[in-house]
Amino acid sequence: MELLSNLAIGFEIALSPYTLMLAVIGCFIGTIIGALPGLGPSNGVAILIPLTFTMGLDATSALVLMTSVYYGAMYGGRISSILLNIPGDEPALMTTLDGYPMAKAGRAGDALVLSGVASFVGAFLATIGLMLLAPILARVAFLFGPAEYFALYLLAFATLGGMASNNQAKAAIASCIGLGIAMIGVDNNSGLPRLTGGNMHLFDGIDFLVAIVGLFAIAEVFFFIESHGKNTSIGVKLEKVTIPVKDIMESGWTMLRSSVVGFIAGVLPGAGASLGSFLAYMTEKSIAGEKGGFGTGVPKGVAAPEAGNNAAAGGALVPMLTLGVPGSGTTAVLLALLMTLNITPGPMLFTERPEVVWGLIASLLIANFVLLLMNVPMVKIFVKILSVPPWVLLPGVTMISFVGIYSLSGSYFDLVLMVGFGALGYVLRKLDVPTVPIILGILLGGHMEDALRRAMVLSSGDWTFLFSSKISIGLWIVAFVGFVAPMFLRNVLKKPQRITD
């Protein structure tokens, strides 16, 4: 009964004309962002976050808009994967294995429709899972003390950093950079400035959004300038679009299994949609065996990764909302949005601000149907987006970033700092140093420090207090395994080579 009453509250908010409009706009923009090669949901959400403040949105409206963009980008990533053999984002990489061969065989429309349906199944079931699992996990989170939270934050750094890079040392360096940036400003306990260099603008610390927009959006502009100077051309032409009913029916169990696998991968902090897509594809490939023809353009090879990565995207919202720990790079950006709006994710969010949580869940349920309706009859419109030249896209991205950030603080220093973070992001990505752990360090560094200080105060400086409970010990073990395991599983998780003509 409590679940139904909470859903009623959520749908009352979600079905308001204004919230519905935001969800539809977010779905449309998100699909466009996902379709453009290289942008992806993290960059798309980071670019658009300043708009939420420019528009004066409240916490619920801002979160509905950004999560709709998130879901839309996950849907849209399949378009360039199938037609260009270029993933719109990393989770869509597995879709190229069968999507592009299917398109080359003259079934581009069938592949796009099938992937849209699979995306709907994965995202819808994940939203149901979020609705059922999140309140339970929120109650478990009340058992957490400072030692458990410190171990949980460490787990987030270890797993998200471990999965974000091919080099664990570079992931560790990125985490340390993020933690160092988080230390900038006046210390809350001593009142002394730290790492400010005497600059008064830094006494309040580094704003989350300035760093995020710089590292993602502005850095992406630099990369567009360097490597996307020419117009994008469609590798396989989309002609007729039909609904492949037979393929959809035959892939039904594949979608369901892949959704479950993807959701579990998404709930694990740091795993994210990339792992969900990979595991879903490999699971179905192992079930089908050699006779399944995976990699040659089979419908199940398109349905599995799309259901898996969209389910993982929904699953990643579970730890973000209940524990305040992002499950993926995009949810790290969403976490920054919530913290900027003075919303603290965690177990108390479900009791103190139920309208935010349940309004979001109800809006996501509606957004999935909106995305399904958009991505089947309007797929030809989204395909046209692939021909947008960078000289049109770049000024828009830059304008949104600068106007949005300036509208937040009215400070020219923040604009200069944003460009500086953009240059830093560009250099780090050229060096193959992941930027997501840096964002995570900026977001969680202060909370991690506070948890450590409280733990030391409670234990009178005894560091063994950090290992004083079964929960904290379990989190330490998982953190260690999550950081070390990719070193040994690198060959298994190695990204597949793109299929060439």
Protein backbone atom coordinates (compact mmCIF):
# COMPACT_ATOMS: atom_id res chain seq x y z
CA MET A 1 0.00 0.00 0.00
CA GLU A 2 2.85 2.37 0.81
CA LEU A 3 4.35 1.75 -2.62
CA LEU A 4 1.04 2.53 -4.34
CA SER A 5 0.55 5.73 -2.34
CA ASN A 6 4.09 6.85 -3.19
CA LEU A 7 3.47 6.10 -6.87
CA ALA A 8 0.27 8.12 -6.69
CA ILE A 9 2.28 11.09 -5.40
CA GLY A 10 4.79 10.57 -8.19
CA PHE A 11 2.24 10.37 -11.00
CA GLU A 12 0.43 13.44 -9.66
CA ILE A 13 3.68 15.33 -10.23
CA ALA A 14 4.72 13.57 -13.43
CA LEU A 15 1.36 13.99 -15.18
CA SER A 16 1.32 17.76 -14.70
CA PRO A 17 1.57 19.47 -18.12
CA TYR A 18 4.83 21.23 -17.21
CA THR A 19 6.61 18.08 -16.03
CA LEU A 20 5.34 16.13 -19.04
CA MET A 21 6.67 18.83 -21.34
CA LEU A 22 10.09 18.67 -19.66
CA ALA A 23 10.18 14.88 -20.00
CA VAL A 24 9.31 15.01 -23.71
CA ILE A 25 11.87 17.76 -24.38
CA GLY A 26 14.52 15.84 -22.44
CA CYS A 27 13.79 12.63 -24.35
CA PHE A 28 14.03 14.40 -27.71
CA ILE A 29 17.24 16.27 -26.92
CA GLY A 30 18.76 13.21 -25.30
CA THR A 31 18.11 11.06 -28.37
CA ILE A 32 19.81 13.66 -30.55
CA ILE A 33 22.80 13.79 -28.20
CA GLY A 34 23.04 10.00 -28.16
CA ALA A 35 22.89 9.81 -31.95
CA LEU A 36 25.86 12.15 -32.39
CA PRO A 37 29.05 10.05 -32.32
CA GLY A 38 31.33 10.75 -29.38
CA LEU A 39 29.06 12.90 -27.21
CA GLY A 40 27.27 10.33 -25.07
CA PRO A 41 25.03 10.81 -22.01
CA SER A 42 27.76 12.12 -19.67
CA ASN A 43 28.73 14.97 -21.97
CA GLY A 44 25.15 15.65 -22.95
CA VAL A 45 23.91 15.99 -19.38
CA ALA A 46 26.97 18.06 -18.41
CA ILE A 47 26.38 20.46 -21.30
CA LEU A 48 22.70 20.94 -20.45
CA ILE A 49 22.92 21.21 -16.65
CA PRO A 50 23.54 25.00 -16.73
CA LEU A 51 20.25 25.37 -18.61
CA THR A 52 18.33 24.05 -15.60
CA PHE A 53 19.57 26.99 -13.56
CA THR A 54 19.04 29.49 -16.36
CA MET A 55 15.43 28.27 -16.61
CA GLY A 56 15.01 28.45 -12.81
CA LEU A 57 13.84 24.84 -12.47
CA ASP A 58 13.18 23.35 -9.05
CA ALA A 59 14.85 20.12 -7.93
CA THR A 60 12.15 17.77 -9.22
CA SER A 61 11.81 19.47 -12.60
CA ALA A 62 15.58 19.68 -13.10
CA LEU A 63 16.06 16.01 -12.24
CA VAL A 64 13.19 14.92 -14.52
CA LEU A 65 14.66 16.90 -17.42
CA MET A 66 18.21 15.63 -16.97
CA THR A 67 17.28 11.98 -16.41
CA SER A 68 15.07 12.13 -19.50
CA VAL A 69 18.10 13.41 -21.40
CA TYR A 70 20.09 10.54 -19.85
CA TYR A 71 17.57 7.90 -20.93
CA GLY A 72 17.18 9.52 -24.35
CA ALA A 73 20.94 9.50 -24.94
CA MET A 74 21.06 5.80 -24.07
CA TYR A 75 18.35 5.17 -26.69
CA GLY A 76 20.02 7.40 -29.29
CA GLY A 77 23.45 5.80 -29.06
CA ARG A 78 22.30 2.88 -31.19
CA ILE A 79 21.61 5.02 -34.28
CA SER A 80 25.21 5.82 -35.22
CA SER A 81 26.27 2.33 -34.07
CA ILE A 82 23.96 0.68 -36.59
CA LEU A 83 24.29 3.11 -39.51
CA LEU A 84 27.89 4.34 -39.16
CA ASN A 85 29.54 1.48 -37.25
CA ILE A 86 30.57 4.23 -34.79
CA PRO A 87 29.09 3.99 -31.27
CA GLY A 88 27.30 7.11 -30.10
CA ASP A 89 28.78 6.30 -26.70
CA GLU A 90 30.78 3.48 -25.12
CA PRO A 91 27.80 1.34 -23.98
CA ALA A 92 26.57 1.22 -27.59
CA LEU A 93 29.86 -0.34 -28.71
CA MET A 94 28.50 -3.89 -28.52
CA THR A 95 25.58 -2.92 -30.77
CA THR A 96 27.97 -2.38 -33.68
CA LEU A 97 28.86 -6.09 -33.73
CA ASP A 98 25.51 -7.18 -35.16
CA GLY A 99 23.77 -3.87 -35.83
CA TYR A 100 26.07 -2.71 -38.60
CA PRO A 101 26.19 -6.07 -40.44
CA MET A 102 22.40 -6.18 -40.20
CA ALA A 103 22.23 -2.69 -41.74
CA LYS A 104 24.65 -3.66 -44.52
CA ALA A 105 22.39 -6.58 -45.33
CA GLY A 106 19.62 -4.11 -46.15
CA ARG A 107 17.86 -4.32 -42.78
CA ALA A 108 18.89 -0.98 -41.26
CA GLY A 109 15.28 -0.03 -40.50
CA ASP A 110 14.58 -3.38 -38.85
CA ALA A 111 17.73 -3.07 -36.73
CA LEU A 112 16.82 0.44 -35.58
CA VAL A 113 13.24 -0.50 -34.66
CA LEU A 114 14.33 -3.72 -32.90
CA SER A 115 16.99 -1.85 -30.92
CA GLY A 116 14.42 0.78 -29.96
CA VAL A 117 12.05 -1.87 -28.61
CA ALA A 118 14.91 -3.59 -26.76
CA SER A 119 15.96 -0.26 -25.27
CA PHE A 120 12.38 0.27 -24.08
CA VAL A 121 12.18 -3.17 -22.45
CA GLY A 122 15.52 -2.72 -20.67
CA ALA A 123 14.84 0.83 -19.48
CA PHE A 124 11.24 0.08 -18.42
CA LEU A 125 12.16 -3.00 -16.40
CA ALA A 126 15.06 -1.11 -14.83
CA THR A 127 12.71 1.67 -13.75
CA ILE A 128 10.44 -0.96 -12.16
CA GLY A 129 13.52 -2.38 -10.43
CA LEU A 130 14.47 1.10 -9.23
CA MET A 131 10.97 1.54 -7.84
CA LEU A 132 11.10 -1.76 -5.91
CA LEU A 133 14.76 -1.92 -4.85
CA ALA A 134 15.58 1.67 -3.98
CA PRO A 135 13.32 1.94 -0.87
CA ILE A 136 14.74 -1.34 0.47
CA LEU A 137 18.34 -0.25 -0.05
CA ALA A 138 17.53 3.11 1.53
CA ARG A 139 16.44 1.34 4.74
CA VAL A 140 19.65 -0.72 4.74
CA ALA A 141 21.65 2.50 4.42
CA PHE A 142 20.47 3.57 7.89
CA LEU A 143 22.90 0.94 9.25
CA PHE A 144 25.83 2.94 7.87
CA GLY A 145 28.06 4.94 10.19
CA PRO A 146 31.14 7.07 9.34
CA ALA A 147 33.40 4.01 8.95
CA GLU A 148 30.94 2.36 6.56
CA TYR A 149 30.48 5.54 4.53
CA PHE A 150 34.25 6.01 4.24
CA ALA A 151 34.57 2.44 2.93
CA LEU A 152 31.63 3.03 0.59
CA TYR A 153 33.24 6.14 -0.89
CA LEU A 154 36.49 4.22 -1.29
CA LEU A 155 34.52 1.48 -3.06
CA ALA A 156 33.13 4.05 -5.49
CA PHE A 157 36.64 5.30 -6.32
CA ALA A 158 38.04 1.79 -6.66
CA THR A 159 35.31 0.34 -8.87
CA LEU A 160 34.39 3.37 -10.97
CA GLY A 161 38.06 4.20 -11.44
CA GLY A 162 38.94 0.59 -12.16
CA MET A 163 36.32 0.25 -14.89
CA ALA A 164 36.92 3.72 -16.37
CA SER A 165 40.45 3.13 -17.59
CA ASN A 166 42.69 0.49 -19.12
CA ASN A 167 45.39 1.48 -16.65
CA GLN A 168 44.74 1.26 -12.91
CA ALA A 169 47.61 3.61 -12.09
CA LYS A 170 46.08 6.32 -14.29
CA ALA A 171 42.69 5.78 -12.66
CA ALA A 172 44.32 6.17 -9.22
CA ILE A 173 46.10 9.35 -10.36
CA ALA A 174 42.80 10.76 -11.64
CA SER A 175 41.12 10.00 -8.30
CA CYS A 176 43.94 11.76 -6.42
CA ILE A 177 43.61 14.80 -8.69
CA GLY A 178 39.89 14.94 -7.94
CA LEU A 179 40.46 14.61 -4.18
CA GLY A 180 43.12 17.32 -4.34
CA ILE A 181 40.72 19.69 -6.13
CA ALA A 182 38.07 18.91 -3.49
CA MET A 183 40.47 20.11 -0.78
CA ILE A 184 40.71 23.60 -2.30
CA GLY A 185 39.01 26.23 -0.17
CA VAL A 186 38.60 27.10 3.49
CA ASP A 187 38.74 24.12 5.86
CA ASN A 188 35.45 23.82 7.73
CA ASN A 189 37.13 22.78 10.97
CA SER A 190 40.17 25.04 11.24
CA GLY A 191 38.93 27.94 9.13
CA LEU A 192 42.28 28.04 7.31
CA PRO A 193 42.52 28.26 3.50
CA ARG A 194 43.92 25.22 1.72
CA LEU A 195 45.55 25.10 -1.73
CA THR A 196 44.11 28.49 -2.72
CA GLY A 197 47.38 30.23 -3.56
CA GLY A 198 45.99 33.31 -1.87
CA ASN A 199 43.28 33.72 -4.53
CA MET A 200 40.07 34.94 -2.90
CA HIS A 201 37.94 33.38 -5.64
CA LEU A 202 39.05 29.94 -4.48
CA PHE A 203 38.15 30.36 -0.80
CA ASP A 204 34.70 28.85 -1.44
CA GLY A 205 36.25 25.91 -3.28
CA ILE A 206 35.72 24.70 -6.82
CA ASP A 207 32.13 24.65 -7.99
CA PHE A 208 31.04 21.17 -9.12
CA LEU A 209 29.40 22.40 -12.29
CA VAL A 210 32.34 24.54 -13.39
CA ALA A 211 34.60 21.49 -13.23
CA ILE A 212 32.07 19.15 -14.84
CA VAL A 213 31.15 21.41 -17.75
CA GLY A 214 34.83 22.15 -18.33
CA LEU A 215 36.05 18.55 -18.18
CA PHE A 216 33.22 17.19 -20.30
CA ALA A 217 31.70 19.87 -22.52
CA ILE A 218 34.62 22.24 -23.17
CA ALA A 219 37.08 19.36 -23.52
CA GLU A 220 34.71 17.82 -26.06
CA VAL A 221 34.74 21.08 -28.02
CA PHE A 222 38.53 20.88 -28.20
CA PHE A 223 38.30 17.31 -29.48
CA PHE A 224 35.71 18.28 -32.07
CA ILE A 225 38.03 21.01 -33.29
CA GLU A 226 40.88 18.53 -33.54
CA SER A 227 39.21 15.48 -35.06
CA HIS A 228 35.72 16.31 -36.33
CA GLY A 229 36.36 19.06 -38.80
CA LYS A 230 34.54 17.31 -41.63
CA ASN A 231 30.84 16.66 -42.02
CA THR A 232 29.59 13.30 -40.86
CA SER A 233 28.29 11.06 -43.60
CA ILE A 234 25.97 8.10 -43.16
CA GLY A 235 27.71 4.81 -43.86
CA VAL A 236 24.50 2.85 -44.56
CA LYS A 237 21.49 4.63 -46.01
CA LEU A 238 18.16 4.24 -44.20
CA GLU A 239 15.40 3.68 -46.70
CA LYS A 240 12.29 1.83 -45.57
CA VAL A 241 11.33 1.52 -41.89
CA THR A 242 9.12 -1.41 -40.91
CA ILE A 243 8.31 -3.12 -37.61
CA PRO A 244 10.01 -6.55 -37.57
CA VAL A 245 7.35 -8.33 -35.52
CA LYS A 246 8.94 -11.75 -35.98
CA ASP A 247 12.36 -10.59 -34.80
CA ILE A 248 10.83 -8.82 -31.81
CA MET A 249 8.90 -11.93 -30.76
CA GLU A 250 11.91 -14.23 -31.19
CA SER A 251 14.10 -11.85 -29.16
CA GLY A 252 11.62 -11.54 -26.28
CA TRP A 253 13.45 -13.79 -23.82
CA THR A 254 16.76 -12.27 -24.90
CA MET A 255 15.49 -8.82 -23.94
CA LEU A 256 14.23 -10.03 -20.56
CA ARG A 257 17.45 -11.87 -19.66
CA SER A 258 19.61 -8.99 -20.85
CA SER A 259 17.54 -6.50 -18.83
CA VAL A 260 18.11 -8.47 -15.63
CA VAL A 261 21.85 -8.82 -16.30
CA GLY A 262 22.16 -5.13 -17.20
CA PHE A 263 20.21 -3.94 -14.17
CA ILE A 264 22.41 -5.93 -11.78
CA ALA A 265 25.52 -4.51 -13.46
CA GLY A 266 24.12 -0.98 -13.16
CA VAL A 267 23.36 -1.29 -9.45
CA LEU A 268 27.00 -2.17 -8.73
CA PRO A 269 28.85 1.12 -8.09
CA GLY A 270 31.25 1.78 -10.93
CA ALA A 271 30.07 -0.96 -13.29
CA GLY A 272 27.73 1.15 -15.40
CA ALA A 273 26.12 0.62 -18.78
CA SER A 274 29.30 -0.47 -20.58
CA LEU A 275 29.65 -3.57 -18.44
CA GLY A 276 25.90 -4.19 -18.60
CA SER A 277 26.00 -4.14 -22.39
CA PHE A 278 29.03 -6.42 -22.53
CA LEU A 279 27.67 -8.98 -20.06
CA ALA A 280 24.25 -9.06 -21.73
CA TYR A 281 25.77 -9.66 -25.16
CA MET A 282 28.22 -12.32 -23.95
CA THR A 283 25.48 -14.09 -21.97
CA GLU A 284 23.25 -14.37 -25.02
CA LYS A 285 26.18 -15.36 -27.23
CA SER A 286 27.09 -18.19 -24.85
CA ILE A 287 23.46 -19.37 -24.73
CA ALA A 288 23.16 -19.33 -28.52
CA GLY A 289 26.52 -21.01 -29.10
CA GLU A 290 28.38 -21.03 -32.40
CA LYS A 291 25.19 -21.74 -34.33
CA GLY A 292 23.69 -18.50 -33.06
CA GLY A 293 25.66 -16.51 -35.61
CA PHE A 294 26.47 -13.64 -33.26
CA GLY A 295 28.65 -11.07 -34.99
CA THR A 296 27.16 -11.68 -38.41
CA GLY A 297 24.05 -9.51 -38.09
CA VAL A 298 21.54 -11.52 -36.05
CA PRO A 299 18.61 -9.70 -34.41
CA LYS A 300 19.35 -11.13 -30.95
CA GLY A 301 22.84 -9.62 -31.17
CA VAL A 302 21.20 -6.20 -31.49
CA ALA A 303 18.52 -6.73 -28.84
CA ALA A 304 20.82 -8.05 -26.11
CA PRO A 305 23.29 -5.14 -25.73
CA GLU A 306 20.58 -2.51 -26.15
CA ALA A 307 18.39 -4.01 -23.43
CA GLY A 308 21.46 -4.52 -21.24
CA ASN A 309 22.89 -1.01 -21.46
CA ASN A 310 19.53 0.72 -20.97
CA ALA A 311 18.73 -1.49 -17.97
CA ALA A 312 22.15 -0.68 -16.52
CA ALA A 313 21.46 3.04 -16.95
CA GLY A 314 18.35 2.70 -14.80
CA GLY A 315 20.14 0.48 -12.30
CA ALA A 316 22.88 3.09 -11.85
CA LEU A 317 20.28 5.47 -10.38
CA VAL A 318 19.71 3.10 -7.44
CA PRO A 319 23.01 3.68 -5.56
CA MET A 320 22.95 7.37 -6.50
CA LEU A 321 19.56 8.00 -4.91
CA THR A 322 19.86 5.66 -1.91
CA LEU A 323 23.54 5.93 -0.94
CA GLY A 324 24.69 9.12 -2.62
CA VAL A 325 27.26 7.13 -4.60
CA PRO A 326 27.07 7.31 -8.40
CA GLY A 327 26.84 4.05 -10.29
CA SER A 328 28.22 5.51 -13.52
CA GLY A 329 29.84 8.59 -15.00
CA THR A 330 26.49 10.11 -15.95
CA THR A 331 24.98 9.56 -12.51
CA ALA A 332 28.07 11.30 -11.09
CA VAL A 333 27.06 14.35 -13.12
CA LEU A 334 23.46 13.99 -11.92
CA LEU A 335 24.74 13.74 -8.34
CA ALA A 336 26.48 17.08 -8.81
CA LEU A 337 23.20 18.58 -10.02
CA LEU A 338 21.36 17.38 -6.91
CA MET A 339 24.06 18.66 -4.56
CA THR A 340 24.05 22.05 -6.28
CA LEU A 341 20.28 22.18 -5.72
CA ASN A 342 20.87 21.48 -1.99
CA ILE A 343 19.41 17.98 -2.33
CA THR A 344 21.42 15.36 -0.46
CA PRO A 345 20.97 11.88 -1.98
CA GLY A 346 20.82 9.10 0.58
CA PRO A 347 18.33 7.20 2.74
CA MET A 348 16.78 10.38 4.17
CA LEU A 349 15.88 11.58 0.67
CA PHE A 350 13.02 9.08 0.56
CA THR A 351 11.46 10.43 3.74
CA GLU A 352 12.38 14.12 3.57
CA ARG A 353 11.81 14.71 -0.16
CA PRO A 354 9.56 11.89 -1.43
CA GLU A 355 8.18 14.12 -4.16
CA VAL A 356 11.64 14.29 -5.75
CA VAL A 357 12.18 10.52 -5.77
CA TRP A 358 8.71 9.36 -6.73
CA GLY A 359 8.16 12.21 -9.16
CA LEU A 360 11.37 11.10 -10.87
CA ILE A 361 10.37 7.41 -10.95
CA ALA A 362 6.91 8.17 -12.35
CA SER A 363 8.40 10.52 -14.94
CA LEU A 364 10.88 7.84 -16.04
CA LEU A 365 8.04 5.34 -16.50
CA ILE A 366 6.28 7.84 -18.74
CA ALA A 367 9.52 8.85 -20.50
CA ASN A 368 10.12 5.26 -21.59
CA PHE A 369 6.84 5.20 -23.49
CA VAL A 370 7.60 8.63 -24.95
CA LEU A 371 10.99 7.38 -26.12
CA LEU A 372 9.48 4.26 -27.67
CA LEU A 373 6.97 6.36 -29.60
CA MET A 374 9.72 8.75 -30.68
CA ASN A 375 12.29 6.19 -31.68
CA VAL A 376 10.09 4.10 -33.98
CA PRO A 377 8.02 6.49 -36.15
CA MET A 378 10.52 9.39 -35.90
CA VAL A 379 13.71 7.40 -36.44
CA LYS A 380 14.30 8.99 -39.86
CA ILE A 381 14.32 12.44 -38.27
CA PHE A 382 17.00 11.40 -35.76
CA VAL A 383 19.05 9.86 -38.58
CA LYS A 384 19.14 13.29 -40.25
CA ILE A 385 20.84 14.64 -37.11
CA LEU A 386 23.94 12.64 -38.04
CA SER A 387 24.56 15.07 -40.89
CA VAL A 388 24.79 18.12 -38.60
CA PRO A 389 28.25 19.62 -39.27
CA PRO A 390 30.54 20.48 -36.36
CA TRP A 391 30.62 24.15 -37.36
CA VAL A 392 26.92 24.29 -36.44
CA LEU A 393 27.19 22.13 -33.33
CA LEU A 394 30.30 23.71 -31.78
CA PRO A 395 28.99 27.27 -31.32
CA GLY A 396 25.81 25.94 -29.72
CA VAL A 397 27.67 23.77 -27.22
CA THR A 398 30.06 26.61 -26.36
CA MET A 399 27.28 29.18 -25.98
CA ILE A 400 25.22 26.95 -23.70
CA SER A 401 28.25 26.25 -21.50
CA PHE A 402 29.36 29.86 -21.11
CA VAL A 403 25.91 31.39 -20.67
CA GLY A 404 24.83 28.68 -18.26
CA ILE A 405 27.87 28.92 -16.01
CA TYR A 406 27.87 32.73 -16.01
CA SER A 407 24.18 32.79 -15.10
CA LEU A 408 24.97 30.72 -12.00
CA SER A 409 27.59 32.94 -10.42
CA GLY A 410 28.01 36.04 -12.57
CA SER A 411 31.76 35.59 -12.14
CA TYR A 412 34.24 35.87 -14.99
CA PHE A 413 36.66 33.82 -12.88
CA ASP A 414 34.36 30.80 -13.17
CA LEU A 415 34.43 31.13 -16.96
CA VAL A 416 38.22 31.23 -16.99
CA LEU A 417 38.29 28.27 -14.59
CA MET A 418 35.88 26.35 -16.81
CA VAL A 419 38.13 26.83 -19.83
CA GLY A 420 41.08 25.76 -17.69
CA PHE A 421 39.27 22.55 -16.74
CA GLY A 422 38.47 22.06 -20.43
CA ALA A 423 42.16 22.26 -21.30
CA LEU A 424 42.95 19.89 -18.41
CA GLY A 425 40.32 17.43 -19.62
CA TYR A 426 41.69 17.59 -23.16
CA VAL A 427 45.26 16.90 -22.02
CA LEU A 428 44.23 14.09 -19.67
CA ARG A 429 42.17 12.35 -22.32
CA LYS A 430 45.05 12.61 -24.77
CA LEU A 431 47.12 10.85 -22.11
CA ASP A 432 44.32 8.28 -21.63
CA VAL A 433 43.73 9.40 -18.05
CA PRO A 434 40.00 9.03 -17.24
CA THR A 435 38.12 12.15 -16.18
CA VAL A 436 35.23 10.43 -14.36
CA PRO A 437 37.34 9.66 -11.23
CA ILE A 438 38.29 13.35 -11.11
CA ILE A 439 34.64 14.34 -11.05
CA LEU A 440 33.99 11.69 -8.43
CA GLY A 441 36.82 13.07 -6.30
CA ILE A 442 35.44 16.61 -6.50
CA LEU A 443 31.94 15.39 -5.63
CA LEU A 444 32.74 12.98 -2.81
CA GLY A 445 36.08 14.29 -1.52
CA GLY A 446 34.51 16.54 1.11
CA HIS A 447 32.08 13.86 2.28
CA MET A 448 34.87 11.28 2.42
CA GLU A 449 37.00 13.63 4.52
CA ASP A 450 34.09 14.34 6.88
CA ALA A 451 33.39 10.61 7.29
CA LEU A 452 37.05 9.94 8.09
CA ARG A 453 37.17 12.77 10.63
CA ARG A 454 34.00 11.60 12.37
CA ALA A 455 35.34 8.06 12.48
CA MET A 456 38.59 9.25 14.07
CA VAL A 457 36.73 11.39 16.60
CA LEU A 458 34.47 8.49 17.62
CA SER A 459 37.44 6.14 17.98
CA SER A 460 39.84 8.66 19.57
CA GLY A 461 42.18 8.32 16.62
CA ASP A 462 42.14 4.51 16.35
CA TRP A 463 42.42 3.75 12.61
CA THR A 464 41.24 0.16 13.11
CA PHE A 465 37.77 1.63 13.70
CA LEU A 466 37.49 1.81 9.91
CA PHE A 467 37.36 -2.02 9.93
CA SER A 468 35.14 -2.36 13.00
CA SER A 469 31.96 -3.75 11.40
CA LYS A 470 31.08 -6.54 9.00
CA ILE A 471 29.60 -4.02 6.55
CA SER A 472 32.78 -1.92 6.43
CA ILE A 473 35.00 -5.01 6.09
CA GLY A 474 32.81 -6.27 3.25
CA LEU A 475 33.01 -2.92 1.48
CA TRP A 476 36.81 -2.83 1.86
CA ILE A 477 37.07 -6.30 0.34
CA VAL A 478 34.79 -5.43 -2.57
CA ALA A 479 36.72 -2.20 -3.15
CA PHE A 480 40.01 -4.08 -3.31
CA VAL A 481 38.59 -6.73 -5.64
CA GLY A 482 36.91 -4.09 -7.80
CA PHE A 483 40.19 -2.24 -8.28
CA VAL A 484 42.44 -5.26 -8.78
CA ALA A 485 40.15 -7.57 -10.77
CA PRO A 486 40.25 -5.53 -14.02
CA MET A 487 44.03 -6.03 -14.13
CA PHE A 488 43.47 -9.77 -14.53
CA LEU A 489 40.26 -9.59 -16.55
CA ARG A 490 41.50 -7.03 -19.05
CA ASN A 491 41.67 -9.54 -21.88
CA VAL A 492 38.18 -10.80 -21.14
CA LEU A 493 36.71 -7.31 -20.98
CA LYS A 494 38.78 -6.07 -23.89
CA LYS A 495 36.74 -3.89 -26.22
CA PRO A 496 35.92 -5.70 -29.45
CA GLN A 497 37.34 -4.40 -32.67
CA ARG A 498 34.84 -2.59 -34.86
CA ILE A 499 33.74 -4.50 -37.88
CA THR A 500 35.16 -3.00 -41.04
CA ASP A 501 33.68 -2.95 -44.50
